[in-house]
């Protein structure tokens, strides 16, 4: 039986220095994503323990909730 995926916890010391590349705001962790504190719809995935802090890697919760045509 496969085990459930583990969520990587980003150290508070690291979170203190990371900034959103789109808004320049601090980030907070929400499960397996980092979220901009100034716009909680901007989310960056954490893949294999490494945050992908690239503007093109950001996803918007409004984009995820909107069905594709």
N, C-alpha and C. Protein backbone atom coordinates (compact mmCIF):
# COMPACT_ATOMS: atom_id res chain seq x y z
N UNK A 1 0.85 -1.18 0.00
CA UNK A 1 0.00 0.00 0.00
C UNK A 1 0.89 1.24 0.00
N UNK A 2 0.74 2.14 -0.98
CA UNK A 2 1.57 3.34 -1.02
C UNK A 2 1.25 4.28 0.13
N UNK A 3 2.29 4.94 0.63
CA UNK A 3 2.07 5.89 1.73
C UNK A 3 1.59 7.23 1.17
N UNK A 4 0.93 7.97 2.04
CA UNK A 4 0.44 9.30 1.63
C UNK A 4 1.63 10.23 1.41
N UNK A 5 1.53 11.12 0.42
CA UNK A 5 2.63 12.05 0.19
C UNK A 5 2.87 12.93 1.41
N UNK A 6 4.14 13.16 1.71
CA UNK A 6 4.52 14.00 2.84
C UNK A 6 4.61 15.45 2.38
N UNK A 7 4.06 16.36 3.17
CA UNK A 7 4.18 17.78 2.88
C UNK A 7 5.51 18.26 3.46
N UNK A 8 6.31 18.91 2.64
CA UNK A 8 7.56 19.48 3.10
C UNK A 8 7.28 20.75 3.88
N UNK A 9 7.87 20.86 5.05
CA UNK A 9 7.70 22.06 5.85
C UNK A 9 8.91 22.96 5.61
N UNK A 10 8.64 24.16 5.13
CA UNK A 10 9.69 25.14 4.89
C UNK A 10 10.01 25.83 6.22
N UNK A 11 11.27 25.90 6.55
CA UNK A 11 11.71 26.50 7.81
C UNK A 11 11.21 27.94 7.94
N UNK A 12 10.77 28.33 9.13
CA UNK A 12 10.35 29.72 9.34
C UNK A 12 11.47 30.73 9.01
N UNK A 13 12.71 30.35 9.25
CA UNK A 13 13.84 31.24 8.92
C UNK A 13 13.94 31.46 7.42
N UNK A 14 13.66 30.43 6.63
CA UNK A 14 13.69 30.55 5.18
C UNK A 14 12.48 31.35 4.70
N UNK A 15 11.31 31.06 5.24
CA UNK A 15 10.10 31.80 4.85
C UNK A 15 10.25 33.29 5.12
N UNK A 16 11.01 33.64 6.15
CA UNK A 16 11.20 35.03 6.51
C UNK A 16 11.91 35.82 5.41
N UNK A 17 12.76 35.15 4.62
CA UNK A 17 13.51 35.87 3.59
C UNK A 17 12.93 35.72 2.19
N UNK A 18 12.06 34.71 1.98
CA UNK A 18 11.48 34.51 0.66
C UNK A 18 10.42 35.56 0.36
N UNK A 19 10.32 35.95 -0.90
CA UNK A 19 9.32 36.92 -1.34
C UNK A 19 8.66 36.43 -2.63
N UNK A 20 7.43 36.81 -2.81
CA UNK A 20 6.69 36.49 -4.03
C UNK A 20 7.33 37.24 -5.19
N UNK A 21 7.68 36.56 -6.30
CA UNK A 21 8.28 37.25 -7.43
C UNK A 21 7.31 38.16 -8.19
N UNK A 22 6.02 38.00 -7.96
CA UNK A 22 5.03 38.83 -8.65
C UNK A 22 4.69 40.07 -7.83
N UNK A 23 4.44 39.88 -6.52
CA UNK A 23 4.00 41.00 -5.68
C UNK A 23 5.08 41.54 -4.75
N UNK A 24 6.18 40.82 -4.59
CA UNK A 24 7.28 41.15 -3.66
C UNK A 24 6.84 41.07 -2.19
N UNK A 25 5.70 40.46 -1.94
CA UNK A 25 5.19 40.30 -0.58
C UNK A 25 5.79 39.04 0.05
N UNK A 26 5.79 38.98 1.38
CA UNK A 26 6.21 37.75 2.05
C UNK A 26 5.30 36.58 1.64
N UNK A 27 5.79 35.38 1.91
CA UNK A 27 5.04 34.17 1.58
C UNK A 27 4.71 33.40 2.85
N UNK A 28 3.61 32.66 2.80
CA UNK A 28 3.26 31.74 3.89
C UNK A 28 3.04 30.37 3.27
N UNK A 29 3.23 29.34 4.07
CA UNK A 29 3.04 27.99 3.55
C UNK A 29 1.61 27.54 3.77
N UNK A 30 1.05 26.92 2.74
CA UNK A 30 -0.28 26.32 2.80
C UNK A 30 -0.16 24.94 2.17
N UNK A 31 0.09 23.93 3.00
CA UNK A 31 0.27 22.58 2.49
C UNK A 31 1.50 22.48 1.61
N UNK A 32 1.30 22.08 0.36
CA UNK A 32 2.43 21.92 -0.56
C UNK A 32 2.57 23.11 -1.51
N UNK A 33 2.14 24.28 -1.04
CA UNK A 33 2.28 25.53 -1.81
C UNK A 33 2.75 26.65 -0.89
N UNK A 34 3.41 27.64 -1.48
CA UNK A 34 3.68 28.91 -0.81
C UNK A 34 2.72 29.92 -1.40
N UNK A 35 2.14 30.75 -0.54
CA UNK A 35 1.09 31.67 -0.95
C UNK A 35 1.51 33.10 -0.61
N UNK A 36 1.30 34.01 -1.55
CA UNK A 36 1.60 35.43 -1.31
C UNK A 36 0.64 35.96 -0.26
N UNK A 37 1.18 36.65 0.75
CA UNK A 37 0.31 37.19 1.79
C UNK A 37 -0.49 38.39 1.31
N UNK A 38 -0.04 39.04 0.23
CA UNK A 38 -0.78 40.20 -0.28
C UNK A 38 -1.89 39.80 -1.25
N UNK A 39 -1.80 38.61 -1.82
CA UNK A 39 -2.81 38.12 -2.76
C UNK A 39 -2.86 36.61 -2.64
N UNK A 40 -3.76 36.12 -1.81
CA UNK A 40 -3.76 34.68 -1.52
C UNK A 40 -4.22 33.81 -2.69
N UNK A 41 -4.48 34.42 -3.83
CA UNK A 41 -4.78 33.60 -5.02
C UNK A 41 -3.51 33.21 -5.76
N UNK A 42 -2.37 33.84 -5.42
CA UNK A 42 -1.10 33.51 -6.07
C UNK A 42 -0.40 32.45 -5.24
N UNK A 43 -0.20 31.27 -5.85
CA UNK A 43 0.35 30.11 -5.15
C UNK A 43 1.51 29.54 -5.95
N UNK A 44 2.56 29.14 -5.23
CA UNK A 44 3.75 28.54 -5.85
C UNK A 44 3.90 27.11 -5.32
N UNK A 45 4.08 26.14 -6.19
CA UNK A 45 4.20 24.76 -5.73
C UNK A 45 5.54 24.49 -5.06
N UNK A 46 5.53 23.56 -4.12
CA UNK A 46 6.76 23.04 -3.53
C UNK A 46 6.92 21.64 -4.12
N UNK A 47 7.96 21.45 -4.92
CA UNK A 47 8.18 20.17 -5.60
C UNK A 47 9.45 19.52 -5.09
N UNK A 48 9.31 18.33 -4.55
CA UNK A 48 10.45 17.58 -4.00
C UNK A 48 11.19 18.40 -2.95
N UNK A 49 10.45 19.16 -2.15
CA UNK A 49 11.02 19.96 -1.08
C UNK A 49 11.56 21.31 -1.50
N UNK A 50 11.43 21.67 -2.79
CA UNK A 50 11.98 22.92 -3.30
C UNK A 50 10.84 23.80 -3.82
N UNK A 51 10.70 25.02 -3.28
CA UNK A 51 9.68 25.93 -3.80
C UNK A 51 10.04 26.40 -5.21
N UNK A 52 9.07 26.39 -6.12
CA UNK A 52 9.27 26.90 -7.49
C UNK A 52 8.77 28.33 -7.52
N UNK A 53 9.67 29.25 -7.21
CA UNK A 53 9.30 30.66 -7.11
C UNK A 53 9.58 31.38 -8.42
N UNK A 54 8.94 30.93 -9.45
CA UNK A 54 9.02 31.55 -10.77
C UNK A 54 7.64 32.07 -11.12
N UNK A 55 7.58 33.26 -11.69
CA UNK A 55 6.29 33.86 -12.03
C UNK A 55 5.45 32.92 -12.90
N UNK A 56 6.09 32.19 -13.83
CA UNK A 56 5.33 31.29 -14.69
C UNK A 56 4.93 30.00 -13.99
N UNK A 57 5.49 29.73 -12.81
CA UNK A 57 5.11 28.54 -12.04
C UNK A 57 3.93 28.83 -11.12
N UNK A 58 3.62 30.11 -10.94
CA UNK A 58 2.53 30.50 -10.05
C UNK A 58 1.20 30.05 -10.62
N UNK A 59 0.35 29.62 -9.72
CA UNK A 59 -1.01 29.30 -10.13
C UNK A 59 -1.95 30.20 -9.35
N UNK A 60 -3.05 30.47 -9.93
CA UNK A 60 -4.06 31.29 -9.29
C UNK A 60 -5.22 30.40 -8.92
N UNK A 61 -5.73 30.54 -7.71
CA UNK A 61 -6.86 29.70 -7.30
C UNK A 61 -8.07 29.98 -8.17
N UNK A 62 -8.18 31.20 -8.70
CA UNK A 62 -9.31 31.49 -9.58
C UNK A 62 -9.14 30.74 -10.91
N UNK A 63 -7.88 30.56 -11.38
CA UNK A 63 -7.63 29.78 -12.59
C UNK A 63 -7.96 28.32 -12.36
N UNK A 64 -7.60 27.80 -11.18
CA UNK A 64 -7.84 26.39 -10.87
C UNK A 64 -9.33 26.09 -10.73
N UNK A 65 -10.09 27.08 -10.25
CA UNK A 65 -11.52 26.85 -10.03
C UNK A 65 -12.36 27.04 -11.28
N UNK A 66 -11.79 27.68 -12.29
CA UNK A 66 -12.53 27.95 -13.52
C UNK A 66 -12.41 26.76 -14.46
N UNK A 67 -13.52 26.14 -14.87
CA UNK A 67 -13.44 25.01 -15.78
C UNK A 67 -12.92 25.42 -17.15
N UNK A 68 -12.16 24.53 -17.74
CA UNK A 68 -11.64 24.79 -19.08
C UNK A 68 -12.76 24.71 -20.10
N UNK A 69 -12.72 25.53 -21.18
CA UNK A 69 -13.79 25.49 -22.19
C UNK A 69 -13.78 24.22 -23.00
